[in-house]
Structures are given as structure tokens and as C-alpha cells.
Amino acid sequence: MTGSMDNPSLQEAVKVYKALGEPTRLQIVQLLCHEKQLSCTEIGERLNHTAGSTLSHHLKQLTDCGVVEISKSGTYHYHRICEDMLRRYAPVLMK
């Protein structure tokens, strides 16, 4: 049977779509598509309804599946979209 869950590409797609299937995570991705790079604090301020621990959980899910990347500058962690990953699985979000 083709499309077996043993296929790494299929497993990757499932992780990405599962992460993007949650409304807050989808909002985060849409925000980062427009803002390019934001700290966790800035993301929280723009969403203004997500608790810090919940936001951290959402950002971890997005980084674990490869949709969001983190860079560090001093004490700040900045989040940005991994364009290759988003272009592969959800190009409509980049418009």
C-alpha cells in the first residue's frame, strides 16, 4: 500500500497539518507570515488572549513540526516562519 505511515514525508505532513489544525497556532503562523519575526512577548501582545504558558506550548508544537524557527538575540528568542516548510505544506498561508 502506498502512503504508509512508515513514509517520513507522510509523517512530517501529519505533524504539520495537526499543528496548523489548532486555531491559535494557525493565528500565530498567519501573524508571523506578515510580521516576519516576533518575540514570544510580541506574539502574546498581538493575540491578546493567550496565557504565556499556553503560548509557549503552541510555539513548541510549531517548532517541533518545523513550521516555525527560533533564533536567539541576547535574552530574547525570536520566532519566524520556516518558509520552505510552509511553502511545501501550506503555501496559501504565505499570500
N, C-alpha and C. Protein backbone atom coordinates (compact mmCIF):
# COMPACT_ATOMS: atom_id res chain seq x y z
N MET A 1 0.83 -1.17 0.00
CA MET A 1 0.00 0.00 0.00
C MET A 1 0.89 1.25 0.00
N THR A 2 0.67 2.16 -0.92
CA THR A 2 1.43 3.40 -0.93
C THR A 2 0.83 4.35 0.09
N GLY A 3 1.65 5.28 0.58
CA GLY A 3 1.15 6.24 1.56
C GLY A 3 1.18 5.68 2.98
N SER A 4 1.99 4.64 3.21
CA SER A 4 2.11 4.05 4.53
C SER A 4 2.65 5.06 5.53
N MET A 5 2.28 4.92 6.79
CA MET A 5 2.76 5.83 7.82
C MET A 5 4.26 5.64 8.08
N ASP A 6 4.89 4.64 7.45
CA ASP A 6 6.33 4.47 7.55
C ASP A 6 7.06 5.49 6.67
N ASN A 7 6.34 6.16 5.81
CA ASN A 7 6.91 7.16 4.91
C ASN A 7 7.20 8.44 5.71
N PRO A 8 8.50 8.85 5.80
CA PRO A 8 8.83 10.06 6.57
C PRO A 8 8.12 11.32 6.08
N SER A 9 7.92 11.46 4.79
CA SER A 9 7.23 12.64 4.27
C SER A 9 5.79 12.69 4.74
N LEU A 10 5.14 11.55 4.79
CA LEU A 10 3.76 11.49 5.25
C LEU A 10 3.68 11.81 6.74
N GLN A 11 4.61 11.28 7.51
CA GLN A 11 4.65 11.58 8.95
C GLN A 11 4.87 13.07 9.19
N GLU A 12 5.76 13.67 8.39
CA GLU A 12 6.01 15.10 8.51
C GLU A 12 4.76 15.90 8.18
N ALA A 13 4.07 15.52 7.13
CA ALA A 13 2.84 16.20 6.73
C ALA A 13 1.78 16.11 7.82
N VAL A 14 1.64 14.97 8.44
CA VAL A 14 0.66 14.79 9.51
C VAL A 14 0.98 15.72 10.67
N LYS A 15 2.25 15.81 11.06
CA LYS A 15 2.65 16.71 12.16
C LYS A 15 2.34 18.16 11.83
N VAL A 16 2.65 18.57 10.60
CA VAL A 16 2.41 19.95 10.19
C VAL A 16 0.92 20.26 10.19
N TYR A 17 0.12 19.40 9.56
CA TYR A 17 -1.31 19.67 9.47
C TYR A 17 -1.99 19.59 10.83
N LYS A 18 -1.51 18.70 11.69
CA LYS A 18 -2.06 18.63 13.05
C LYS A 18 -1.77 19.92 13.80
N ALA A 19 -0.56 20.44 13.67
CA ALA A 19 -0.19 21.70 14.33
C ALA A 19 -1.02 22.86 13.79
N LEU A 20 -1.18 22.92 12.48
CA LEU A 20 -1.92 24.02 11.86
C LEU A 20 -3.43 23.89 12.05
N GLY A 21 -3.89 22.73 12.47
CA GLY A 21 -5.32 22.50 12.65
C GLY A 21 -5.88 23.12 13.92
N GLU A 22 -5.01 23.64 14.77
CA GLU A 22 -5.46 24.28 16.01
C GLU A 22 -5.55 25.78 15.75
N PRO A 23 -6.69 26.41 16.03
CA PRO A 23 -6.91 27.82 15.66
C PRO A 23 -5.86 28.81 16.16
N THR A 24 -5.41 28.68 17.40
CA THR A 24 -4.42 29.63 17.91
C THR A 24 -3.09 29.47 17.18
N ARG A 25 -2.69 28.23 16.90
CA ARG A 25 -1.44 28.02 16.17
C ARG A 25 -1.55 28.55 14.75
N LEU A 26 -2.69 28.39 14.15
CA LEU A 26 -2.90 28.94 12.80
C LEU A 26 -2.80 30.47 12.84
N GLN A 27 -3.35 31.09 13.87
CA GLN A 27 -3.24 32.54 14.02
C GLN A 27 -1.79 32.97 14.19
N ILE A 28 -1.02 32.22 14.95
CA ILE A 28 0.39 32.53 15.15
C ILE A 28 1.13 32.48 13.82
N VAL A 29 0.88 31.45 13.03
CA VAL A 29 1.54 31.32 11.73
C VAL A 29 1.14 32.46 10.80
N GLN A 30 -0.13 32.80 10.78
CA GLN A 30 -0.58 33.91 9.94
C GLN A 30 0.08 35.22 10.39
N LEU A 31 0.19 35.42 11.68
CA LEU A 31 0.83 36.62 12.22
C LEU A 31 2.30 36.67 11.80
N LEU A 32 3.01 35.56 11.94
CA LEU A 32 4.42 35.52 11.58
C LEU A 32 4.64 35.65 10.07
N CYS A 33 3.68 35.24 9.28
CA CYS A 33 3.79 35.41 7.83
C CYS A 33 3.80 36.90 7.47
N HIS A 34 3.11 37.70 8.25
CA HIS A 34 3.02 39.14 7.97
C HIS A 34 4.11 39.94 8.68
N GLU A 35 4.51 39.51 9.86
CA GLU A 35 5.46 40.26 10.68
C GLU A 35 6.90 39.81 10.49
N LYS A 36 7.11 38.67 9.89
CA LYS A 36 8.42 38.08 9.63
C LYS A 36 9.12 37.51 10.87
N GLN A 37 9.23 38.28 11.97
CA GLN A 37 9.93 37.80 13.15
C GLN A 37 9.39 38.51 14.39
N LEU A 38 9.02 37.73 15.40
CA LEU A 38 8.49 38.31 16.63
C LEU A 38 8.97 37.51 17.84
N SER A 39 9.10 38.21 18.96
CA SER A 39 9.41 37.51 20.21
C SER A 39 8.11 36.89 20.74
N CYS A 40 8.25 36.01 21.70
CA CYS A 40 7.08 35.38 22.32
C CYS A 40 6.18 36.45 22.94
N THR A 41 6.78 37.45 23.57
CA THR A 41 6.02 38.54 24.19
C THR A 41 5.22 39.30 23.13
N GLU A 42 5.85 39.61 22.01
CA GLU A 42 5.17 40.34 20.94
C GLU A 42 4.01 39.53 20.36
N ILE A 43 4.22 38.24 20.21
CA ILE A 43 3.15 37.37 19.70
C ILE A 43 1.98 37.40 20.68
N GLY A 44 2.28 37.25 21.97
CA GLY A 44 1.24 37.27 23.00
C GLY A 44 0.47 38.57 23.01
N GLU A 45 1.17 39.69 22.84
CA GLU A 45 0.51 41.00 22.82
C GLU A 45 -0.43 41.12 21.62
N ARG A 46 -0.01 40.62 20.49
CA ARG A 46 -0.84 40.75 19.28
C ARG A 46 -2.06 39.83 19.32
N LEU A 47 -1.90 38.67 19.97
CA LEU A 47 -3.04 37.76 20.08
C LEU A 47 -3.95 38.16 21.24
N ASN A 48 -3.40 38.85 22.20
CA ASN A 48 -4.01 39.34 23.44
C ASN A 48 -5.13 38.47 24.04
N HIS A 49 -4.98 37.18 23.94
CA HIS A 49 -5.92 36.30 24.65
C HIS A 49 -5.27 34.99 25.07
N THR A 50 -3.96 34.91 24.88
CA THR A 50 -3.27 33.65 25.16
C THR A 50 -2.33 33.81 26.35
N ALA A 51 -2.47 32.96 27.35
CA ALA A 51 -1.58 32.97 28.52
C ALA A 51 -0.17 32.55 28.08
N GLY A 52 0.83 33.03 28.78
CA GLY A 52 2.22 32.75 28.43
C GLY A 52 2.55 31.27 28.30
N SER A 53 2.10 30.47 29.26
CA SER A 53 2.40 29.04 29.21
C SER A 53 1.70 28.36 28.04
N THR A 54 0.49 28.79 27.76
CA THR A 54 -0.24 28.24 26.62
C THR A 54 0.43 28.64 25.31
N LEU A 55 0.85 29.88 25.23
CA LEU A 55 1.53 30.36 24.03
C LEU A 55 2.83 29.59 23.82
N SER A 56 3.58 29.35 24.89
CA SER A 56 4.82 28.57 24.78
C SER A 56 4.54 27.17 24.24
N HIS A 57 3.46 26.57 24.72
CA HIS A 57 3.08 25.24 24.23
C HIS A 57 2.79 25.28 22.73
N HIS A 58 2.03 26.28 22.28
CA HIS A 58 1.71 26.40 20.87
C HIS A 58 2.97 26.61 20.02
N LEU A 59 3.85 27.47 20.50
CA LEU A 59 5.10 27.73 19.76
C LEU A 59 5.97 26.48 19.71
N LYS A 60 5.98 25.69 20.77
CA LYS A 60 6.75 24.45 20.76
C LYS A 60 6.20 23.48 19.73
N GLN A 61 4.88 23.37 19.64
CA GLN A 61 4.27 22.49 18.65
C GLN A 61 4.66 22.92 17.23
N LEU A 62 4.67 24.23 17.01
CA LEU A 62 5.01 24.76 15.68
C LEU A 62 6.49 24.58 15.36
N THR A 63 7.35 24.68 16.36
CA THR A 63 8.78 24.45 16.10
C THR A 63 9.07 22.97 15.94
N ASP A 64 8.40 22.12 16.73
CA ASP A 64 8.62 20.68 16.63
C ASP A 64 8.28 20.12 15.26
N CYS A 65 7.29 20.71 14.60
CA CYS A 65 6.91 20.21 13.27
C CYS A 65 7.68 20.93 12.16
N GLY A 66 8.47 21.94 12.54
CA GLY A 66 9.32 22.60 11.56
C GLY A 66 8.74 23.81 10.86
N VAL A 67 7.55 24.24 11.25
CA VAL A 67 6.90 25.38 10.61
C VAL A 67 7.48 26.70 11.11
N VAL A 68 7.91 26.72 12.37
CA VAL A 68 8.47 27.93 12.97
C VAL A 68 9.90 27.63 13.41
N GLU A 69 10.78 28.62 13.20
CA GLU A 69 12.17 28.53 13.63
C GLU A 69 12.40 29.57 14.73
N ILE A 70 13.38 29.30 15.59
CA ILE A 70 13.71 30.23 16.67
C ILE A 70 15.16 30.67 16.53
N SER A 71 15.37 31.97 16.71
CA SER A 71 16.73 32.49 16.80
C SER A 71 16.84 33.26 18.10
N LYS A 72 18.05 33.34 18.63
CA LYS A 72 18.26 33.99 19.92
C LYS A 72 19.11 35.23 19.72
N SER A 73 18.69 36.31 20.36
CA SER A 73 19.46 37.56 20.35
C SER A 73 19.45 38.10 21.78
N GLY A 74 20.58 37.98 22.46
CA GLY A 74 20.62 38.36 23.87
C GLY A 74 19.74 37.44 24.68
N THR A 75 18.82 38.03 25.42
CA THR A 75 17.91 37.21 26.23
C THR A 75 16.59 36.92 25.52
N TYR A 76 16.44 37.43 24.30
CA TYR A 76 15.19 37.26 23.56
C TYR A 76 15.28 36.10 22.57
N HIS A 77 14.18 35.40 22.45
CA HIS A 77 14.02 34.37 21.43
C HIS A 77 13.04 34.90 20.40
N TYR A 78 13.45 34.90 19.17
CA TYR A 78 12.59 35.39 18.09
C TYR A 78 12.10 34.23 17.25
N HIS A 79 10.83 34.28 16.90
CA HIS A 79 10.18 33.23 16.12
C HIS A 79 9.92 33.76 14.73
N ARG A 80 10.14 32.90 13.76
CA ARG A 80 9.86 33.24 12.36
C ARG A 80 9.43 31.98 11.63
N ILE A 81 8.78 32.19 10.52
CA ILE A 81 8.28 31.09 9.69
C ILE A 81 9.45 30.41 8.98
N CYS A 82 9.41 29.11 8.91
CA CYS A 82 10.32 28.37 8.05
C CYS A 82 9.63 28.31 6.68
N GLU A 83 10.05 29.20 5.81
CA GLU A 83 9.35 29.36 4.53
C GLU A 83 9.33 28.10 3.69
N ASP A 84 10.41 27.33 3.69
CA ASP A 84 10.43 26.09 2.89
C ASP A 84 9.34 25.13 3.34
N MET A 85 9.22 24.99 4.65
CA MET A 85 8.23 24.06 5.19
C MET A 85 6.81 24.53 4.89
N LEU A 86 6.57 25.81 5.09
CA LEU A 86 5.23 26.35 4.85
C LEU A 86 4.89 26.33 3.36
N ARG A 87 5.87 26.61 2.53
CA ARG A 87 5.66 26.56 1.08
C ARG A 87 5.30 25.14 0.63
N ARG A 88 5.90 24.16 1.30
CA ARG A 88 5.66 22.75 0.94
C ARG A 88 4.26 22.29 1.36
N TYR A 89 3.82 22.67 2.58
CA TYR A 89 2.58 22.12 3.11
C TYR A 89 1.40 23.07 3.17
N ALA A 90 1.64 24.37 3.20
CA ALA A 90 0.52 25.32 3.30
C ALA A 90 0.87 26.63 2.60
N PRO A 91 1.14 26.59 1.31
CA PRO A 91 1.56 27.80 0.61
C PRO A 91 0.52 28.91 0.62
N VAL A 92 -0.74 28.56 0.77
CA VAL A 92 -1.79 29.58 0.77
C VAL A 92 -1.63 30.55 1.95
N LEU A 93 -1.00 30.13 3.03
CA LEU A 93 -0.80 30.98 4.19
C LEU A 93 0.25 32.07 3.95
N MET A 94 1.07 31.89 2.94
CA MET A 94 2.15 32.84 2.67
C MET A 94 1.71 34.01 1.81
N LYS A 95 0.47 34.02 1.38
CA LYS A 95 -0.01 35.08 0.49
C LYS A 95 -0.44 36.30 1.26
